[in-house]
């Protein structure tokens, strides 16, 4: 049996540190998250403060500092709010991560497969709709997750359904305002928005496998378009995909109404998504002919799932570290070691891009470095550094746009090399920023 050493001095010191947080926290869970981020796990809470869990300690702090009832705080008893630490294993979560990553890539596959048909359309229907759909998906996904946490999957699916219907109608109105009359342009724009809508609802509601099965038809249709079939086959496949993805919205359930503050955060997420889309279009669609260099697509196909797997591995290692701590002062040191290992993996595509650039494989280097930028952006978004994430993707996108205008007659190989140089120049400082973010223990609350 372990011996509890309860020190009033320790608790008084903790009260002083946690007073501002307890008075502003929304609930006990938020206070517990701050405690965990500082290295206080269930074991430390029991040994140093005489409570059964971090949640019990958080409830006691809120009761003492903010006047809340001590619900959940019962020294020596089982705390029903205490969470069981996640199992840490290399295979846990790999399957769902790969499925999610495949869904991320579906819009890119359609964009590449239909590049020939999209090239003759107005910019607002082709790349414009791609960027708009990408940004809208990230913005509405944020609201969807909020609805999911408050009322469940049905409410989340309905928020996304209404949001995308409004967004699609708004983009169609914009096309009409620009004087676009070609039916194919409207069909392509609608298809792209619908594709992002299906991916977003699958990720939010946890129906990735079912939606991916339907998305397989879209991948096959994109391959058929590349082989010479008309775009209609992609439209039919996307229609089926939307019906499958949004089936939860028709189940009985409540409706969710986002608050103004949540809408502002959604716009911030949308700005990051727009930057990612613009950068993708600048590097992949506006560069050399990706269709004639299939090897150049491999880093995009592999980089996205690997980046998410690295992030999942990192988060699980951090959670496992917190679960076994016996001294909260060990946490910063262990967090630093885990963060350095994660950073080393994220630096691999950056180094590979530099080597490929030096070897005059500019096209391949640019796509490898694009995968690196996406990986770094994913980390920043996961740690709620939306401003830094937006800067990371918008800065190179703007520079590459200026580059294309400044060198209208340059050869494709020169432009690809310069694009790779720009991306490398962005990745190097971004690695430093990500290193600081990963080591920031408060970003894990």
Protein backbone atom coordinates (compact mmCIF):
# COMPACT_ATOMS: atom_id res chain seq x y z
CA UNK A 1 0.00 0.00 0.00
CA UNK A 2 1.38 3.41 -0.93
CA UNK A 3 1.81 6.09 1.71
CA UNK A 4 0.15 9.44 1.11
CA UNK A 5 2.12 12.50 2.12
CA UNK A 6 -0.34 15.40 2.15
CA UNK A 7 1.29 18.80 2.56
CA UNK A 8 -0.78 21.91 3.17
CA UNK A 9 2.15 23.99 1.94
CA UNK A 10 2.07 22.16 -1.39
CA UNK A 11 -1.68 22.69 -1.70
CA UNK A 12 -1.41 26.38 -0.77
CA UNK A 13 1.27 26.86 -3.42
CA UNK A 14 -0.94 25.09 -5.95
CA UNK A 15 -3.89 27.32 -5.02
CA UNK A 16 -1.84 30.44 -5.72
CA UNK A 17 -0.83 29.18 -9.17
CA UNK A 18 -4.27 27.93 -10.13
CA UNK A 19 -6.41 30.79 -8.75
CA UNK A 20 -6.78 32.72 -12.05
CA UNK A 21 -7.47 29.53 -13.97
CA UNK A 22 -10.10 28.25 -11.53
CA UNK A 23 -11.99 31.55 -11.59
CA UNK A 24 -12.13 31.68 -15.39
CA UNK A 25 -12.50 27.97 -16.20
CA UNK A 26 -15.68 26.78 -17.87
CA UNK A 27 -15.78 23.51 -15.96
CA UNK A 28 -13.77 21.15 -13.78
CA UNK A 29 -12.39 19.40 -16.85
CA UNK A 30 -10.62 22.58 -17.96
CA UNK A 31 -8.93 22.92 -14.56
CA UNK A 32 -7.93 19.25 -14.70
CA UNK A 33 -6.44 19.80 -18.15
CA UNK A 34 -4.25 22.61 -16.81
CA UNK A 35 -3.14 20.40 -13.92
CA UNK A 36 -2.20 17.57 -16.29
CA UNK A 37 -0.30 19.99 -18.51
CA UNK A 38 1.77 21.00 -15.47
CA UNK A 39 2.69 17.36 -14.79
CA UNK A 40 0.12 16.48 -12.10
CA UNK A 41 -1.33 13.05 -12.87
CA UNK A 42 -3.54 10.81 -10.71
CA UNK A 43 -0.53 9.34 -8.93
CA UNK A 44 0.94 12.73 -8.02
CA UNK A 45 -2.50 14.03 -6.99
CA UNK A 46 -2.96 11.13 -4.58
CA UNK A 47 0.54 11.26 -3.12
CA UNK A 48 0.96 15.02 -2.71
CA UNK A 49 -2.62 16.24 -2.24
CA UNK A 50 -4.50 13.25 -0.78
CA UNK A 51 -7.15 12.95 -3.50
CA UNK A 52 -8.03 10.08 -5.79
CA UNK A 53 -7.43 11.74 -9.15
CA UNK A 54 -6.63 14.91 -11.05
CA UNK A 55 -10.36 15.50 -11.49
CA UNK A 56 -10.90 15.32 -7.73
CA UNK A 57 -8.06 17.79 -7.19
CA UNK A 58 -9.54 20.12 -9.83
CA UNK A 59 -12.96 19.92 -8.16
CA UNK A 60 -11.43 20.76 -4.78
CA UNK A 61 -9.57 23.74 -6.22
CA UNK A 62 -12.74 25.06 -7.86
CA UNK A 63 -14.63 24.63 -4.60
CA UNK A 64 -11.99 26.44 -2.57
CA UNK A 65 -11.17 29.19 -5.05
CA UNK A 66 -14.32 29.77 -7.08
CA UNK A 67 -17.08 28.72 -4.68
CA UNK A 68 -18.34 25.78 -6.75
CA UNK A 69 -19.88 22.73 -5.05
CA UNK A 70 -17.43 19.91 -4.44
CA UNK A 71 -19.15 17.52 -6.83
CA UNK A 72 -16.70 14.78 -7.73
CA UNK A 73 -14.32 15.61 -4.88
CA UNK A 74 -14.33 12.73 -2.41
CA UNK A 75 -10.93 11.89 -0.87
CA UNK A 76 -10.38 8.18 -0.56
CA UNK A 77 -13.25 7.26 -2.89
CA UNK A 78 -13.41 6.27 -6.51
CA UNK A 79 -13.85 9.29 -8.76
CA UNK A 80 -16.31 8.50 -11.59
CA UNK A 81 -14.93 11.41 -13.63
CA UNK A 82 -11.38 10.10 -13.64
CA UNK A 83 -10.27 9.12 -17.11
CA UNK A 84 -8.39 5.92 -17.83
CA UNK A 85 -5.06 6.69 -19.55
CA UNK A 86 -4.93 5.69 -23.18
CA UNK A 87 -3.08 2.51 -23.99
CA UNK A 88 0.15 3.25 -25.69
CA UNK A 89 0.92 0.94 -28.55
CA UNK A 90 2.31 1.29 -32.04
CA UNK A 91 -0.73 -0.25 -33.69
CA UNK A 92 -3.37 1.67 -31.75
CA UNK A 93 -5.07 4.20 -34.02
CA UNK A 94 -2.99 3.39 -37.10
CA UNK A 95 -5.92 2.01 -39.08
CA UNK A 96 -8.27 4.93 -38.48
CA UNK A 97 -5.44 7.39 -39.12
CA UNK A 98 -4.74 5.85 -42.51
CA UNK A 99 -8.45 5.92 -43.36
CA UNK A 100 -8.71 9.59 -42.40
CA UNK A 101 -5.64 10.39 -44.44
CA UNK A 102 -7.10 8.68 -47.49
CA UNK A 103 -10.16 10.89 -47.15
CA UNK A 104 -7.95 13.99 -46.96
CA UNK A 105 -6.41 13.02 -50.27
CA UNK A 106 -9.66 12.43 -52.16
CA UNK A 107 -10.13 16.08 -53.27
CA UNK A 108 -6.50 16.21 -54.39
CA UNK A 109 -6.92 13.00 -56.40
CA UNK A 110 -9.97 14.44 -58.17
CA UNK A 111 -8.15 17.72 -58.83
CA UNK A 112 -5.19 15.91 -60.38
CA UNK A 113 -7.30 13.34 -62.25
CA UNK A 114 -9.52 16.03 -63.77
CA UNK A 115 -6.78 18.62 -64.33
CA UNK A 116 -7.24 18.52 -68.10
CA UNK A 117 -10.98 19.22 -67.92
CA UNK A 118 -10.56 21.82 -65.17
CA UNK A 119 -7.97 23.76 -67.14
CA UNK A 120 -10.56 25.13 -69.57
CA UNK A 121 -12.98 26.32 -66.92
CA UNK A 122 -13.17 29.75 -65.29
CA UNK A 123 -10.80 30.10 -62.34
CA UNK A 124 -13.73 30.51 -59.95
CA UNK A 125 -15.10 27.09 -60.93
CA UNK A 126 -11.77 25.23 -60.89
CA UNK A 127 -8.99 26.29 -58.51
CA UNK A 128 -11.27 28.89 -56.92
CA UNK A 129 -13.84 26.29 -55.87
CA UNK A 130 -11.04 24.02 -54.67
CA UNK A 131 -9.69 26.74 -52.37
CA UNK A 132 -13.17 27.79 -51.24
CA UNK A 133 -14.23 24.22 -50.49
CA UNK A 134 -11.03 23.48 -48.58
CA UNK A 135 -11.40 26.60 -46.43
CA UNK A 136 -15.11 26.02 -45.85
CA UNK A 137 -14.48 22.43 -44.81
CA UNK A 138 -11.98 23.40 -42.12
CA UNK A 139 -14.19 26.19 -40.81
CA UNK A 140 -17.34 24.06 -40.64
CA UNK A 141 -15.44 21.08 -39.24
CA UNK A 142 -14.58 23.19 -36.21
CA UNK A 143 -18.28 23.95 -35.67
CA UNK A 144 -19.09 20.31 -36.28
CA UNK A 145 -16.74 19.19 -33.53
CA UNK A 146 -18.32 21.70 -31.15
CA UNK A 147 -21.77 20.33 -31.99
CA UNK A 148 -20.50 16.78 -31.60
CA UNK A 149 -19.22 17.50 -28.10
CA UNK A 150 -22.43 19.25 -27.07
CA UNK A 151 -25.21 17.17 -28.63
CA UNK A 152 -23.74 14.26 -30.59
CA UNK A 153 -23.21 13.10 -34.16
CA UNK A 154 -26.69 13.94 -35.46
CA UNK A 155 -26.35 17.60 -34.47
CA UNK A 156 -22.84 17.72 -35.93
CA UNK A 157 -23.97 16.29 -39.26
CA UNK A 158 -26.83 18.80 -39.44
CA UNK A 159 -24.54 21.75 -38.74
CA UNK A 160 -22.25 20.64 -41.54
CA UNK A 161 -25.13 19.93 -43.92
CA UNK A 162 -26.68 23.37 -43.48
CA UNK A 163 -23.30 25.06 -43.60
CA UNK A 164 -22.27 23.44 -46.85
CA UNK A 165 -25.65 24.03 -48.51
CA UNK A 166 -25.33 27.73 -47.69
CA UNK A 167 -21.69 27.78 -48.78
CA UNK A 168 -22.48 26.03 -52.06
CA UNK A 169 -25.32 28.43 -52.82
CA UNK A 170 -23.07 31.39 -52.04
CA UNK A 171 -20.38 30.16 -54.43
CA UNK A 172 -22.96 29.54 -57.16
CA UNK A 173 -24.15 33.12 -56.68
CA UNK A 174 -20.57 34.32 -57.00
CA UNK A 175 -20.17 32.41 -60.27
CA UNK A 176 -23.33 34.05 -61.59
CA UNK A 177 -22.03 37.46 -60.51
CA UNK A 178 -18.86 36.81 -62.52
CA UNK A 179 -21.00 36.08 -65.57
CA UNK A 180 -20.30 32.33 -65.71
CA UNK A 181 -23.01 30.60 -67.75
CA UNK A 182 -21.46 27.24 -68.66
CA UNK A 183 -23.32 24.39 -66.85
CA UNK A 184 -20.12 22.36 -66.51
CA UNK A 185 -18.55 25.16 -64.46
CA UNK A 186 -21.40 25.04 -61.95
CA UNK A 187 -21.27 21.24 -61.85
CA UNK A 188 -17.52 21.19 -61.19
CA UNK A 189 -17.74 23.85 -58.47
CA UNK A 190 -20.65 22.06 -56.79
CA UNK A 191 -18.85 18.74 -57.01
CA UNK A 192 -15.75 20.10 -55.31
CA UNK A 193 -17.70 21.66 -52.46
CA UNK A 194 -19.71 18.44 -52.04
CA UNK A 195 -16.51 16.42 -51.92
CA UNK A 196 -15.11 18.52 -49.10
CA UNK A 197 -18.48 18.34 -47.35
CA UNK A 198 -18.41 14.55 -47.38
CA UNK A 199 -14.87 14.39 -46.04
CA UNK A 200 -15.63 16.87 -43.25
CA UNK A 201 -18.71 15.07 -41.95
CA UNK A 202 -16.91 11.71 -42.01
CA UNK A 203 -14.04 13.03 -39.92
CA UNK A 204 -16.31 14.81 -37.44
CA UNK A 205 -18.86 12.03 -36.89
CA UNK A 206 -16.36 9.16 -36.94
CA UNK A 207 -17.83 7.41 -40.00
CA UNK A 208 -14.54 7.38 -41.91
CA UNK A 209 -14.59 3.73 -42.95
CA UNK A 210 -18.10 3.84 -44.36
CA UNK A 211 -17.47 7.08 -46.21
CA UNK A 212 -14.11 5.87 -47.51
CA UNK A 213 -15.85 2.84 -49.00
CA UNK A 214 -18.09 5.25 -50.91
CA UNK A 215 -15.11 7.49 -51.72
CA UNK A 216 -13.44 4.56 -53.45
CA UNK A 217 -15.96 5.10 -56.22
CA UNK A 218 -14.75 8.69 -56.58
CA UNK A 219 -11.13 7.54 -56.86
CA UNK A 220 -12.11 5.06 -59.57
CA UNK A 221 -14.12 7.75 -61.35
CA UNK A 222 -11.14 10.12 -61.23
CA UNK A 223 -8.98 7.44 -62.82
CA UNK A 224 -11.63 6.99 -65.50
CA UNK A 225 -11.60 10.73 -66.20
CA UNK A 226 -7.84 10.62 -66.56
CA UNK A 227 -8.31 7.80 -69.07
CA UNK A 228 -10.68 9.93 -71.13
CA UNK A 229 -14.17 9.46 -69.68
CA UNK A 230 -16.37 12.52 -69.19
CA UNK A 231 -16.64 14.33 -65.86
CA UNK A 232 -20.20 13.07 -65.40
CA UNK A 233 -18.94 9.83 -63.85
CA UNK A 234 -17.20 11.78 -61.09
CA UNK A 235 -20.42 13.72 -60.44
CA UNK A 236 -22.41 10.52 -60.04
CA UNK A 237 -19.81 9.06 -57.68
CA UNK A 238 -19.78 12.24 -55.57
CA UNK A 239 -23.60 12.23 -55.33
CA UNK A 240 -23.50 8.71 -53.89
CA UNK A 241 -20.72 9.75 -51.53
CA UNK A 242 -22.75 12.69 -50.18
CA UNK A 243 -25.80 10.52 -49.53
CA UNK A 244 -23.73 7.99 -47.61
CA UNK A 245 -21.80 10.62 -45.66
CA UNK A 246 -24.82 12.64 -44.53
CA UNK A 247 -27.12 9.75 -43.62
CA UNK A 248 -26.63 10.51 -39.86
CA UNK A 249 -28.27 13.92 -40.37
CA UNK A 250 -31.63 12.22 -41.02
CA UNK A 251 -31.69 10.39 -37.68
CA UNK A 252 -33.72 11.80 -34.75
CA UNK A 253 -31.77 14.29 -32.70
CA UNK A 254 -31.34 17.88 -31.57
CA UNK A 255 -30.15 20.94 -33.47
CA UNK A 256 -27.06 22.90 -32.52
CA UNK A 257 -26.71 26.68 -32.76
CA UNK A 258 -23.09 27.96 -32.78
CA UNK A 259 -22.19 30.94 -30.62
CA UNK A 260 -20.54 34.08 -32.09
CA UNK A 261 -17.20 33.25 -30.49
CA UNK A 262 -17.26 29.80 -32.07
CA UNK A 263 -17.98 31.36 -35.45
CA UNK A 264 -14.88 33.55 -35.08
CA UNK A 265 -12.73 30.52 -34.30
CA UNK A 266 -14.25 28.73 -37.27
CA UNK A 267 -13.20 31.59 -39.56
CA UNK A 268 -9.65 31.33 -38.21
CA UNK A 269 -9.58 27.62 -39.05
CA UNK A 270 -10.97 28.44 -42.48
CA UNK A 271 -8.15 30.91 -43.09
CA UNK A 272 -5.62 28.14 -42.45
CA UNK A 273 -7.48 25.83 -44.82
CA UNK A 274 -7.57 28.50 -47.52
CA UNK A 275 -3.81 28.96 -47.21
CA UNK A 276 -3.21 25.23 -47.53
CA UNK A 277 -5.40 25.11 -50.61
CA UNK A 278 -3.70 28.10 -52.26
CA UNK A 279 -0.29 26.58 -51.57
CA UNK A 280 -1.40 23.22 -52.97
CA UNK A 281 -2.72 24.89 -56.12
CA UNK A 282 0.46 26.96 -56.48
CA UNK A 283 2.82 24.00 -56.16
CA UNK A 284 0.88 21.13 -57.73
CA UNK A 285 -1.65 22.56 -60.18
CA UNK A 286 0.34 25.59 -61.38
CA UNK A 287 3.73 23.89 -61.54
CA UNK A 288 4.99 21.29 -63.98
CA UNK A 289 2.63 18.67 -65.39
CA UNK A 290 2.11 16.28 -62.50
CA UNK A 291 0.23 13.88 -64.75
CA UNK A 292 3.43 13.22 -66.72
CA UNK A 293 5.48 12.69 -63.56
CA UNK A 294 3.55 10.14 -61.45
CA UNK A 295 6.51 9.72 -59.09
CA UNK A 296 6.02 13.32 -57.97
CA UNK A 297 2.62 12.41 -56.51
CA UNK A 298 4.08 9.82 -54.14
CA UNK A 299 5.22 12.31 -51.44
CA UNK A 300 1.71 13.77 -51.28
CA UNK A 301 0.11 10.33 -51.08
CA UNK A 302 2.52 9.17 -48.38
CA UNK A 303 3.28 12.42 -46.56
CA UNK A 304 -0.23 13.19 -45.31
CA UNK A 305 -0.84 9.86 -43.52
CA UNK A 306 2.70 9.80 -42.16
CA UNK A 307 2.35 13.32 -40.74
CA UNK A 308 -0.85 12.41 -38.93
CA UNK A 309 0.65 9.16 -37.66
CA UNK A 310 3.62 11.08 -36.27
CA UNK A 311 1.27 13.48 -34.50
CA UNK A 312 -0.82 10.62 -33.08
CA UNK A 313 2.35 8.87 -31.89
CA UNK A 314 3.58 12.06 -30.24
CA UNK A 315 0.30 12.72 -28.44
CA UNK A 316 0.11 9.15 -27.17
CA UNK A 317 3.69 9.25 -25.92
CA UNK A 318 2.94 12.47 -24.05
CA UNK A 319 -0.23 10.95 -22.55
CA UNK A 320 1.68 7.82 -21.52
CA UNK A 321 4.40 9.96 -19.95
CA UNK A 322 1.87 11.88 -17.86
CA UNK A 323 0.18 8.65 -16.77
CA UNK A 324 3.32 7.15 -15.19
CA UNK A 325 4.83 10.25 -13.59
CA UNK A 326 5.76 10.04 -9.93
CA UNK A 327 7.14 13.58 -9.80
CA UNK A 328 5.58 16.40 -11.80
CA UNK A 329 9.02 17.99 -12.29
CA UNK A 330 9.95 14.99 -14.46
CA UNK A 331 7.34 16.01 -17.01
CA UNK A 332 9.21 18.89 -18.73
CA UNK A 333 12.33 16.73 -19.19
CA UNK A 334 10.42 13.79 -20.65
CA UNK A 335 8.32 16.08 -22.81
CA UNK A 336 11.51 17.56 -24.24
CA UNK A 337 12.83 14.11 -25.17
CA UNK A 338 9.58 13.08 -26.86
CA UNK A 339 9.37 16.41 -28.69
CA UNK A 340 12.90 16.13 -30.04
CA UNK A 341 12.14 12.66 -31.40
CA UNK A 342 9.00 13.97 -33.11
CA UNK A 343 10.86 16.97 -34.49
CA UNK A 344 13.53 14.69 -35.95
CA UNK A 345 10.87 12.80 -37.90
CA UNK A 346 9.27 16.04 -39.15
CA UNK A 347 12.69 17.24 -40.31
CA UNK A 348 13.23 14.22 -42.59
CA UNK A 349 11.17 15.53 -45.56
CA UNK A 350 12.80 18.95 -45.16
CA UNK A 351 16.25 17.40 -45.45
CA UNK A 352 15.09 15.20 -48.33
CA UNK A 353 13.74 18.25 -50.15
CA UNK A 354 17.07 20.03 -49.76
CA UNK A 355 18.94 17.03 -51.20
CA UNK A 356 16.54 16.74 -54.15
CA UNK A 357 16.85 20.47 -54.85
CA UNK A 358 20.64 20.19 -54.91
CA UNK A 359 20.29 17.22 -57.28
CA UNK A 360 18.23 19.42 -59.67
CA UNK A 361 15.06 17.39 -59.09
CA UNK A 362 13.10 20.57 -58.44
CA UNK A 363 9.64 19.19 -59.18
CA UNK A 364 9.96 16.26 -56.82
CA UNK A 365 11.68 18.44 -54.21
CA UNK A 366 8.80 20.94 -54.27
CA UNK A 367 6.19 18.24 -53.64
CA UNK A 368 8.28 16.67 -50.85
CA UNK A 369 8.65 20.06 -49.18
CA UNK A 370 4.92 20.71 -49.63
CA UNK A 371 4.29 17.51 -47.66
CA UNK A 372 6.68 18.83 -44.99
CA UNK A 373 4.81 22.13 -44.77
CA UNK A 374 1.50 20.29 -44.39
CA UNK A 375 2.95 18.17 -41.59
CA UNK A 376 4.24 21.19 -39.70
CA UNK A 377 0.91 22.98 -40.22
CA UNK A 378 -0.93 19.97 -38.81
CA UNK A 379 1.11 20.16 -35.61
CA UNK A 380 0.46 23.88 -35.20
CA UNK A 381 -3.29 23.47 -35.71
CA UNK A 382 -3.43 20.54 -33.28
CA UNK A 383 -1.75 22.73 -30.65
CA UNK A 384 -4.14 25.64 -31.37
CA UNK A 385 -1.52 27.91 -32.94
CA UNK A 386 -3.84 29.01 -35.74
CA UNK A 387 -2.06 32.31 -36.40
CA UNK A 388 1.29 30.59 -36.87
CA UNK A 389 -0.32 27.88 -39.00
CA UNK A 390 -1.90 30.50 -41.28
CA UNK A 391 1.42 32.32 -41.60
CA UNK A 392 3.19 29.06 -42.43
CA UNK A 393 0.96 28.31 -45.42
CA UNK A 394 0.13 31.82 -46.65
CA UNK A 395 3.69 33.14 -46.65
CA UNK A 396 5.07 30.65 -49.22
CA UNK A 397 1.82 30.77 -51.22
CA UNK A 398 2.19 34.53 -51.70
CA UNK A 399 5.91 34.26 -52.49
CA UNK A 400 5.29 31.55 -55.09
CA UNK A 401 2.54 33.66 -56.66
CA UNK A 402 4.97 36.58 -56.95
CA UNK A 403 7.55 34.21 -58.40
CA UNK A 404 5.24 33.10 -61.22
CA UNK A 405 4.48 36.71 -62.12
CA UNK A 406 8.10 37.82 -61.95
CA UNK A 407 9.35 35.03 -64.27
CA UNK A 408 6.68 34.60 -66.97
CA UNK A 409 9.09 33.18 -69.54
CA UNK A 410 11.21 30.99 -67.27
CA UNK A 411 11.61 27.29 -67.95
CA UNK A 412 9.55 24.81 -65.95
CA UNK A 413 12.62 23.29 -64.34
CA UNK A 414 13.88 26.69 -63.13
CA UNK A 415 10.49 27.60 -61.68
CA UNK A 416 10.19 24.23 -59.92
CA UNK A 417 13.64 24.67 -58.40
CA UNK A 418 12.83 28.17 -57.18
CA UNK A 419 9.54 26.95 -55.71
CA UNK A 420 11.46 24.26 -53.83
CA UNK A 421 13.90 26.88 -52.53
CA UNK A 422 11.01 29.02 -51.26
CA UNK A 423 9.43 26.06 -49.47
CA UNK A 424 12.74 25.06 -47.92
CA UNK A 425 13.31 28.61 -46.70
CA UNK A 426 9.90 28.45 -45.01
CA UNK A 427 10.39 25.01 -43.47
CA UNK A 428 13.65 25.79 -41.67
CA UNK A 429 12.29 28.50 -39.32
CA UNK A 430 8.99 26.60 -39.08
CA UNK A 431 10.85 23.65 -37.58
CA UNK A 432 12.16 25.94 -34.86
CA UNK A 433 8.68 27.26 -34.13
CA UNK A 434 7.22 23.74 -34.02
CA UNK A 435 10.00 22.68 -31.64
CA UNK A 436 8.96 25.40 -29.19
CA UNK A 437 5.28 24.52 -29.57
CA UNK A 438 5.88 20.82 -28.94
CA UNK A 439 7.86 21.61 -25.79
CA UNK A 440 5.17 23.95 -24.47
CA UNK A 441 3.43 21.78 -21.89
CA UNK A 442 0.42 24.10 -21.72
CA UNK A 443 -0.42 23.36 -25.34
CA UNK A 444 -1.43 19.80 -24.35
CA UNK A 445 -4.27 20.80 -22.05
